[in-house]
Amino acid sequence: MESSLYAQIVDKYLKGVVVKTIETLNGKNSGQDLTYMFKAMLRKEYSTSGKWDAISMLNTRVSADYVAMDSSLPLKRRPSMGKASGDIVKSGMELWLNEKQLSDIDAMIAQKMSDLEISAKLLQDTATVITGIFELMEKTFLEGLSTGVAAVDDTENVGTSVRLDYRYFDANKFGVSAAWSDVAAKPLDDIRQALQKAKADGNKVAHVYMDDVTFDSFAKTTQVKEFFAFSIGFLNSAIVPVPSLEKVNAALKADSRYKFQITIVDRKIINEKNGVRTVVTPWSEGKVILTATPQVGVLMWARLAEQNHPVAGVSYQTADDYILVSKYRENKPSLSEHTTSQARVVPVICNVEQIYQIDAKLVSA
């Protein structure tokens, strides 16, 4: 590795490009068409050990006792704990400019084009390598939230297989009386079963997440259509419209039995291995997740070895605390300029005692 051929421009503009990219990905700039659920539902937490831990506290809401003056306090049993843990694995991606692209930049310099125009060409891969880490975190988080397990095997990932098991409680997993794809299904009854379990646990469900296919089936069932029609005083049972998400949420909010909001998860992620791209849907179709709180865990990160031992000549910038962006050149096998991102970060779902899962495809006995 050696310093960039255009080190002065890199040193002047790389930091600004990184900052602008993060602001855009965080939704602070207009025109951002993607949202990241992992950003909204996880808080960042630094790990000094390089490991992730998901600790769930069971039966934590225990009432205090009234005691007589000068009497001793009653001893309570400590809440039991469940723990899942593992190493925070490394992720990253790399892009480069080849000799032809570098010659184009040389031509721009020879034509005395502005530094801004040159930097836009030279640093065009910066946003891509940062976004790549965000996309990986979103994929892992959505898969993990919907199933309780996030797994990346060698058919998808360049490197090693990784499995994150958040240990969802079996007692909080439910099937359905009939698959929701059947218009005669009773999805509201199925949801109430999970709500009753949550209430018994001392939790109040406020958020329900499902994929778009599952919501379409949910909204087309006779039970949901009639529930919506009744909520607006529409009593003609012969003609009942299929309600939209907004109308369903309005009806649920107005009904004291529910009081939660449905969020549709409709997200695609592009994977690339050996130059072949595939589109994956990380949310497991048919899984319905009920949560008591909008935040369900932490985005746990650790420092990289290269942050502690930077390579001479390489230009570095840190993005969003945990992503290390590097810019440098190589001459093996030919001259090229490289932009890389590295991170040790994983999404960790912690409070699984407040998460309930319904499989809208699994008919229970």
Protein backbone atom coordinates (compact mmCIF):
# COMPACT_ATOMS: atom_id res chain seq x y z
CA MET A 1 0.00 0.00 0.00
CA GLU A 2 1.15 3.52 -0.81
CA SER A 3 -0.40 6.95 -0.53
CA SER A 4 -2.93 8.03 -3.15
CA LEU A 5 -1.65 9.49 -6.41
CA TYR A 6 -3.84 12.47 -5.56
CA ALA A 7 -3.09 12.69 -1.84
CA GLN A 8 -3.69 16.46 -1.61
CA ILE A 9 -7.20 16.16 -3.01
CA VAL A 10 -7.95 13.12 -0.84
CA ASP A 11 -6.75 14.88 2.31
CA LYS A 12 -8.85 17.93 1.46
CA TYR A 13 -12.15 16.28 0.51
CA LEU A 14 -12.34 12.72 1.93
CA LYS A 15 -13.60 13.81 5.36
CA GLY A 16 -16.34 15.96 3.83
CA VAL A 17 -17.52 13.14 1.57
CA VAL A 18 -17.67 10.74 4.52
CA VAL A 19 -19.63 13.21 6.65
CA LYS A 20 -22.10 13.94 3.83
CA THR A 21 -22.59 10.24 3.16
CA ILE A 22 -23.42 9.50 6.81
CA GLU A 23 -25.82 12.46 6.99
CA THR A 24 -27.59 11.16 3.89
CA LEU A 25 -27.79 7.59 5.20
CA ASN A 26 -29.13 8.89 8.51
CA GLY A 27 -31.90 10.67 6.61
CA LYS A 28 -30.66 14.20 7.30
CA ASN A 29 -30.37 15.11 3.62
CA SER A 30 -33.36 15.26 1.30
CA GLY A 31 -33.61 12.71 -1.46
CA GLN A 32 -32.72 9.69 0.69
CA ASP A 33 -35.03 6.94 -0.54
CA LEU A 34 -33.83 4.16 1.78
CA THR A 35 -34.46 3.96 5.50
CA TYR A 36 -32.58 1.74 7.89
CA MET A 37 -34.60 0.03 10.61
CA PHE A 38 -31.45 -1.03 12.44
CA LYS A 39 -30.60 2.65 12.93
CA ALA A 40 -33.99 3.39 14.48
CA MET A 41 -34.37 0.22 16.57
CA LEU A 42 -30.83 -0.23 17.90
CA ARG A 43 -28.62 2.11 19.88
CA LYS A 44 -24.87 2.05 19.34
CA GLU A 45 -22.75 0.51 22.07
CA TYR A 46 -18.98 0.09 22.18
CA SER A 47 -17.55 -3.26 23.24
CA THR A 48 -14.19 -3.15 24.98
CA SER A 49 -13.85 -6.95 24.88
CA GLY A 50 -14.57 -7.38 21.17
CA LYS A 51 -17.54 -9.62 22.00
CA TRP A 52 -21.28 -9.09 21.79
CA ASP A 53 -23.65 -10.02 24.59
CA ALA A 54 -27.43 -10.17 24.61
CA ILE A 55 -28.67 -10.40 28.18
CA SER A 56 -32.38 -10.82 28.81
CA MET A 57 -33.78 -10.15 32.25
CA LEU A 58 -36.78 -12.32 33.11
CA ASN A 59 -39.54 -11.30 35.52
CA THR A 60 -37.96 -7.95 36.32
CA ARG A 61 -41.18 -6.09 37.15
CA VAL A 62 -41.76 -7.01 40.78
CA SER A 63 -43.75 -4.74 43.05
CA ALA A 64 -42.21 -3.33 46.18
CA ASP A 65 -43.87 -3.90 49.57
CA TYR A 66 -45.24 -1.48 52.13
CA VAL A 67 -43.39 -2.02 55.39
CA ALA A 68 -43.94 -0.80 58.93
CA MET A 69 -41.69 1.94 60.27
CA ASP A 70 -38.38 0.63 61.67
CA SER A 71 -38.98 -2.86 60.22
CA SER A 72 -36.61 -4.69 57.89
CA LEU A 73 -37.15 -4.71 54.12
CA PRO A 74 -38.45 -7.92 52.52
CA LEU A 75 -35.87 -9.81 50.44
CA LYS A 76 -36.83 -10.32 46.79
CA ARG A 77 -35.59 -13.02 44.46
CA ARG A 78 -33.19 -11.68 41.84
CA PRO A 79 -34.47 -11.87 38.25
CA SER A 80 -33.12 -14.78 36.27
CA MET A 81 -30.99 -14.01 33.22
CA GLY A 82 -30.57 -15.54 29.81
CA LYS A 83 -27.44 -14.75 27.85
CA ALA A 84 -26.30 -15.13 24.26
CA SER A 85 -22.84 -14.01 23.24
CA GLY A 86 -20.10 -14.27 20.62
CA ASP A 87 -17.27 -12.47 18.87
CA ILE A 88 -17.91 -9.27 16.94
CA VAL A 89 -16.91 -10.31 13.45
CA LYS A 90 -15.23 -8.14 10.85
CA SER A 91 -16.97 -7.02 7.67
CA GLY A 92 -15.92 -4.82 4.78
CA MET A 93 -15.76 -4.18 1.07
CA GLU A 94 -13.34 -2.81 -1.49
CA LEU A 95 -13.58 -0.93 -4.78
CA TRP A 96 -10.83 0.41 -7.00
CA LEU A 97 -10.11 2.70 -9.92
CA ASN A 98 -8.16 1.01 -12.73
CA GLU A 99 -5.49 2.52 -15.00
CA LYS A 100 -8.05 3.78 -17.54
CA GLN A 101 -10.05 5.54 -14.84
CA LEU A 102 -6.87 7.03 -13.37
CA SER A 103 -5.90 8.30 -16.83
CA ASP A 104 -9.29 9.99 -17.05
CA ILE A 105 -8.58 11.78 -13.76
CA ASP A 106 -5.15 12.83 -15.07
CA ALA A 107 -6.90 14.28 -18.12
CA MET A 108 -9.27 16.26 -15.87
CA ILE A 109 -6.26 17.70 -14.02
CA ALA A 110 -4.52 18.55 -17.32
CA GLN A 111 -7.68 20.37 -18.45
CA LYS A 112 -7.56 22.37 -15.20
CA MET A 113 -10.94 21.23 -14.04
CA SER A 114 -11.91 22.23 -10.51
CA ASP A 115 -10.84 20.25 -7.45
CA LEU A 116 -14.51 19.60 -6.68
CA GLU A 117 -15.06 17.94 -10.06
CA ILE A 118 -11.87 15.91 -9.72
CA SER A 119 -12.66 14.85 -6.16
CA ALA A 120 -16.15 13.72 -7.21
CA LYS A 121 -14.54 11.32 -9.68
CA LEU A 122 -11.70 10.27 -7.38
CA LEU A 123 -13.86 9.70 -4.30
CA GLN A 124 -16.94 8.27 -6.02
CA ASP A 125 -16.52 4.89 -4.31
CA THR A 126 -16.52 6.33 -0.78
CA ALA A 127 -20.30 6.46 -0.42
CA THR A 128 -20.62 2.97 -1.89
CA VAL A 129 -18.27 1.25 0.57
CA ILE A 130 -19.93 2.98 3.55
CA THR A 131 -23.42 2.13 2.29
CA GLY A 132 -22.31 -1.48 1.88
CA ILE A 133 -21.75 -1.80 5.63
CA PHE A 134 -25.14 -0.23 6.34
CA GLU A 135 -26.83 -2.64 3.93
CA LEU A 136 -25.17 -5.61 5.62
CA MET A 137 -26.32 -4.43 9.05
CA GLU A 138 -29.88 -3.96 7.76
CA LYS A 139 -29.92 -7.42 6.22
CA THR A 140 -28.61 -9.05 9.39
CA PHE A 141 -30.95 -7.10 11.65
CA LEU A 142 -34.13 -7.77 9.65
CA GLU A 143 -33.34 -11.46 9.35
CA GLY A 144 -32.58 -11.63 13.07
CA LEU A 145 -35.64 -9.66 14.18
CA SER A 146 -38.04 -11.72 12.08
CA THR A 147 -36.63 -15.16 12.95
CA GLY A 148 -34.54 -14.77 16.10
CA VAL A 149 -31.48 -16.03 14.21
CA ALA A 150 -29.28 -14.22 11.70
CA ALA A 151 -27.14 -16.56 9.61
CA VAL A 152 -24.83 -15.79 6.70
CA ASP A 153 -23.40 -18.88 5.05
CA ASP A 154 -20.66 -19.27 2.47
CA THR A 155 -23.07 -19.14 -0.47
CA GLU A 156 -23.76 -15.49 0.38
CA ASN A 157 -20.70 -14.22 2.19
CA VAL A 158 -17.12 -13.91 1.01
CA GLY A 159 -15.28 -15.14 4.07
CA THR A 160 -16.49 -17.17 6.99
CA SER A 161 -19.94 -18.37 8.02
CA VAL A 162 -21.54 -16.37 10.82
CA ARG A 163 -24.55 -17.25 12.98
CA LEU A 164 -26.16 -14.96 15.54
CA ASP A 165 -28.77 -16.68 17.71
CA TYR A 166 -30.70 -14.27 19.91
CA ARG A 167 -32.53 -17.12 21.68
CA TYR A 168 -36.13 -16.08 21.26
CA PHE A 169 -38.32 -17.65 23.91
CA ASP A 170 -40.30 -20.67 22.72
CA ALA A 171 -43.14 -19.56 24.97
CA ASN A 172 -43.36 -16.32 22.95
CA LYS A 173 -43.70 -18.07 19.57
CA PHE A 174 -47.16 -18.73 18.16
CA GLY A 175 -48.73 -20.43 15.19
CA VAL A 176 -52.15 -19.56 13.75
CA SER A 177 -55.55 -21.23 13.65
CA ALA A 178 -55.52 -21.01 9.84
CA ALA A 179 -52.90 -19.69 7.42
CA TRP A 180 -53.50 -15.98 6.83
CA SER A 181 -53.50 -16.61 3.08
CA ASP A 182 -56.95 -18.15 3.68
CA VAL A 183 -59.60 -15.40 3.65
CA ALA A 184 -61.45 -17.34 6.36
CA ALA A 185 -58.44 -17.05 8.71
CA LYS A 186 -58.80 -15.14 11.99
CA PRO A 187 -55.60 -13.07 12.19
CA LEU A 188 -56.97 -10.70 14.82
CA ASP A 189 -57.75 -13.69 17.05
CA ASP A 190 -54.22 -14.98 16.46
CA ILE A 191 -52.75 -11.62 17.41
CA ARG A 192 -54.92 -11.41 20.54
CA GLN A 193 -53.43 -14.73 21.68
CA ALA A 194 -49.96 -13.17 21.61
CA LEU A 195 -51.29 -9.98 23.23
CA GLN A 196 -52.70 -11.99 26.11
CA LYS A 197 -49.32 -13.66 26.66
CA ALA A 198 -47.64 -10.25 26.62
CA LYS A 199 -50.15 -8.89 29.13
CA ALA A 200 -49.52 -11.87 31.42
CA ASP A 201 -45.79 -11.10 31.18
CA GLY A 202 -46.38 -7.49 32.16
CA ASN A 203 -45.69 -6.18 28.65
CA LYS A 204 -47.86 -3.96 26.48
CA VAL A 205 -47.40 -4.46 22.74
CA ALA A 206 -47.16 -1.19 20.84
CA HIS A 207 -45.54 -2.20 17.55
CA VAL A 208 -46.24 -5.02 15.10
CA TYR A 209 -43.98 -5.74 12.11
CA MET A 210 -44.73 -7.92 9.10
CA ASP A 211 -43.74 -8.19 5.43
CA ASP A 212 -45.91 -6.76 2.65
CA VAL A 213 -47.12 -10.16 1.40
CA THR A 214 -48.30 -11.12 4.88
CA PHE A 215 -50.06 -7.78 5.35
CA ASP A 216 -51.85 -8.17 2.02
CA SER A 217 -53.16 -11.55 3.18
CA PHE A 218 -54.03 -10.10 6.59
CA ALA A 219 -56.03 -7.23 5.05
CA LYS A 220 -57.92 -9.51 2.65
CA THR A 221 -59.29 -11.82 5.34
CA THR A 222 -62.98 -11.52 6.04
CA GLN A 223 -62.31 -10.88 9.72
CA VAL A 224 -60.06 -7.86 9.09
CA LYS A 225 -62.31 -6.42 6.39
CA GLU A 226 -65.34 -6.67 8.65
CA PHE A 227 -63.37 -5.21 11.57
CA PHE A 228 -62.43 -2.21 9.43
CA ALA A 229 -65.94 -1.82 8.02
CA PHE A 230 -67.45 -1.84 11.51
CA SER A 231 -64.90 0.77 12.67
CA ILE A 232 -66.17 3.26 10.06
CA GLY A 233 -69.84 2.36 10.44
CA PHE A 234 -70.03 0.55 7.10
CA LEU A 235 -72.59 -2.20 7.68
CA ASN A 236 -73.17 -3.56 4.16
CA SER A 237 -71.60 -7.00 4.59
CA ALA A 238 -72.07 -7.78 0.91
CA ILE A 239 -69.52 -5.14 -0.16
CA VAL A 240 -66.60 -4.81 2.23
CA PRO A 241 -63.46 -3.08 0.89
CA VAL A 242 -59.90 -4.28 1.51
CA PRO A 243 -58.45 -1.64 3.86
CA SER A 244 -55.07 0.03 3.38
CA LEU A 245 -52.34 0.03 6.02
CA GLU A 246 -53.29 3.54 7.10
CA LYS A 247 -56.94 2.57 7.53
CA VAL A 248 -56.10 -0.63 9.40
CA ASN A 249 -53.83 1.27 11.79
CA ALA A 250 -56.50 3.90 12.40
CA ALA A 251 -59.01 1.18 13.28
CA LEU A 252 -56.55 -0.65 15.54
CA LYS A 253 -55.63 2.56 17.35
CA ALA A 254 -59.30 3.30 18.04
CA ASP A 255 -59.96 -0.18 19.50
CA SER A 256 -58.95 -0.67 23.14
CA ARG A 257 -58.25 -4.35 22.49
CA TYR A 258 -55.29 -3.53 20.26
CA LYS A 259 -53.79 -0.04 20.47
CA PHE A 260 -50.76 -1.00 18.38
CA GLN A 261 -49.46 0.08 15.00
CA ILE A 262 -48.49 -2.19 12.13
CA THR A 263 -45.28 -1.47 10.20
CA ILE A 264 -44.76 -3.16 6.84
CA VAL A 265 -41.19 -4.30 6.23
CA ASP A 266 -40.58 -4.24 2.47
CA ARG A 267 -36.81 -4.30 1.98
CA LYS A 268 -34.50 -5.86 -0.60
CA ILE A 269 -30.73 -6.21 -0.25
CA ILE A 270 -28.29 -6.86 -3.10
CA ASN A 271 -25.64 -9.47 -2.36
CA GLU A 272 -22.56 -9.88 -4.54
CA LYS A 273 -20.18 -12.84 -4.64
CA ASN A 274 -17.58 -13.49 -7.33
CA GLY A 275 -19.07 -10.69 -9.43
CA VAL A 276 -22.58 -12.20 -9.39
CA ARG A 277 -25.35 -10.13 -7.82
CA THR A 278 -28.50 -11.55 -6.27
CA VAL A 279 -31.42 -9.80 -4.63
CA VAL A 280 -32.45 -11.16 -1.23
CA THR A 281 -35.36 -10.39 1.07
CA PRO A 282 -34.02 -10.49 4.64
CA TRP A 283 -37.38 -10.45 6.45
CA SER A 284 -38.72 -13.99 6.67
CA GLU A 285 -42.06 -14.06 4.87
CA GLY A 286 -44.97 -14.86 7.16
CA LYS A 287 -43.22 -13.85 10.38
CA VAL A 288 -45.09 -11.29 12.46
CA ILE A 289 -43.14 -9.66 15.29
CA LEU A 290 -44.80 -7.88 18.21
CA THR A 291 -42.70 -5.65 20.47
CA ALA A 292 -43.36 -3.62 23.56
CA THR A 293 -40.78 -0.94 22.72
CA PRO A 294 -39.48 0.61 19.49
CA GLN A 295 -35.89 -0.13 20.52
CA VAL A 296 -35.04 -3.81 20.72
CA GLY A 297 -31.28 -3.92 21.25
CA VAL A 298 -27.89 -2.49 20.46
CA LEU A 299 -25.56 -2.11 17.52
CA MET A 300 -22.41 -3.40 19.18
CA TRP A 301 -19.06 -2.41 17.73
CA ALA A 302 -15.37 -2.77 18.50
CA ARG A 303 -12.21 -1.10 17.25
CA LEU A 304 -10.30 -2.55 14.34
CA ALA A 305 -6.66 -3.55 14.57
CA GLU A 306 -5.85 -1.11 11.76
CA GLN A 307 -7.27 1.76 13.79
CA ASN A 308 -4.69 1.05 16.47
CA HIS A 309 -1.94 0.35 13.93
CA PRO A 310 -2.49 2.56 10.85
CA VAL A 311 -0.52 1.76 7.71
CA ALA A 312 1.88 4.45 6.57
CA GLY A 313 0.70 6.34 3.50
CA VAL A 314 -2.94 5.30 3.77
CA SER A 315 -5.57 8.05 4.16
CA TYR A 316 -8.16 7.18 6.84
CA GLN A 317 -11.52 8.53 7.94
CA THR A 318 -13.99 7.09 10.45
CA ALA A 319 -17.69 6.96 9.57
CA ASP A 320 -20.42 6.73 12.21
CA ASP A 321 -17.85 5.69 14.86
CA TYR A 322 -17.43 2.10 13.68
CA ILE A 323 -16.63 2.18 9.93
CA LEU A 324 -13.01 2.73 8.91
CA VAL A 325 -12.69 4.16 5.39
CA SER A 326 -9.28 3.86 3.70
CA LYS A 327 -7.88 5.37 0.51
CA TYR A 328 -4.55 4.22 -1.00
CA ARG A 329 -2.84 3.03 -4.18
CA GLU A 330 -1.19 -0.21 -5.28
CA ASN A 331 0.86 -1.29 -8.30
CA LYS A 332 0.18 -5.04 -8.18
CA PRO A 333 -0.49 -6.31 -10.80
CA SER A 334 -1.12 -2.85 -12.26
CA LEU A 335 -1.56 0.67 -10.94
CA SER A 336 -4.85 1.17 -9.12
CA GLU A 337 -6.48 3.39 -6.50
CA HIS A 338 -8.41 1.59 -3.76
CA THR A 339 -11.23 2.62 -1.46
CA THR A 340 -12.14 0.22 1.35
CA SER A 341 -14.46 0.07 4.33
CA GLN A 342 -13.96 -2.13 7.38
CA ALA A 343 -16.01 -2.58 10.52
CA ARG A 344 -16.38 -4.82 13.52
CA VAL A 345 -20.05 -4.43 14.25
CA VAL A 346 -23.13 -6.62 14.74
CA PRO A 347 -26.81 -5.93 15.48
CA VAL A 348 -27.76 -7.49 18.82
CA ILE A 349 -31.38 -8.03 19.87
CA CYS A 350 -31.38 -7.93 23.67
CA ASN A 351 -34.81 -7.61 25.27
CA VAL A 352 -36.26 -10.81 23.82
CA GLU A 353 -38.57 -11.13 26.83
CA GLN A 354 -40.57 -8.30 25.23
CA ILE A 355 -40.68 -9.81 21.73
CA TYR A 356 -43.45 -12.10 20.48
CA GLN A 357 -43.47 -13.95 17.18
CA ILE A 358 -46.39 -15.22 15.11
CA ASP A 359 -45.84 -17.46 12.09
CA ALA A 360 -48.74 -16.64 9.79
CA LYS A 361 -48.00 -19.78 7.73
CA LEU A 362 -47.74 -22.26 10.61
CA VAL A 363 -51.09 -23.77 11.52
CA SER A 364 -50.96 -24.89 15.13
CA ALA A 365 -52.94 -27.84 16.44
